[in-house]
């Protein structure tokens, strides 16, 4: 894929989004010989056979997905009947082609550019409004700290989820605390990338250990460089350090500049008050 084709599309919502999110909109062109498909985001864990999902009856709908964790505010914002999370979608791609949906996506993007918040997810829900339906929430259990995660009971059904979806920027591989992160690591350590994951974890732990050790024990210069600050078990001890002649002269000059700046600020404040 060439992201240049999407450079004029809005990219909002969360900072971790990239233009790859818009690849969903061109699936009819990408897969011309596929009639029905399951779309899956990359921040998920599949914990069940996908066969029951693939065999789900479309009931005349062009797409099916799980209710979004922020469905109420998104429905109200876009005036829609339903609003699904686009991380897991069951798509009738044949009907998308028959109804020229890809072109309708582009038209909606052009005409509603300023209204779009959640990128292609907004576009899919808006264009397919009336022809989009809900799946069992276990097919896309959105694990997040958002309030909607509680109101839709996603956190309760997490352990029984067919697909766990780590939405928002809180990903287990970023070591952001997540209630179900252990399931991610269980899978990750059996993947072909387990060696890289181990290196990543060691690097992160080493960095945290160094940061922690600096809190317990460190020696550094004070900001003015006149003192050494010794930290032992979190207790800071400050003592005068020996200054070399040139360093001493520089410190003097820095102090003089600081004092001059203070005088200028005081004079400036006096002038302002006099004018008032």
Foldseek 3Di string as FASTA:
>chain_A
DDLVVCPPADDADAPVDDSVVCVVLCVCVVCVPDFKDKAAAPQKDAQADCVVVQPDDLVQAQKEAAADLPWPVLCVLLVFPGAHDPRIMIGRSNVCVVVVVSVQLVVCRVVCRVSDHNTVSSSVCNSRGVRYYYDDCLAELEFDPDPSNVVVVSVVCVVVRSMYGDDHPQGVLVVRDTPPSVVVVVVCCVDPCNVVSVVSVVVVVVVVVVVVVVQAFDWDADPLSQWIWTHHHNDTDIDGDDDDPVRVVVSVVVVVVVVVVVVVVVVVVVVVVVVD
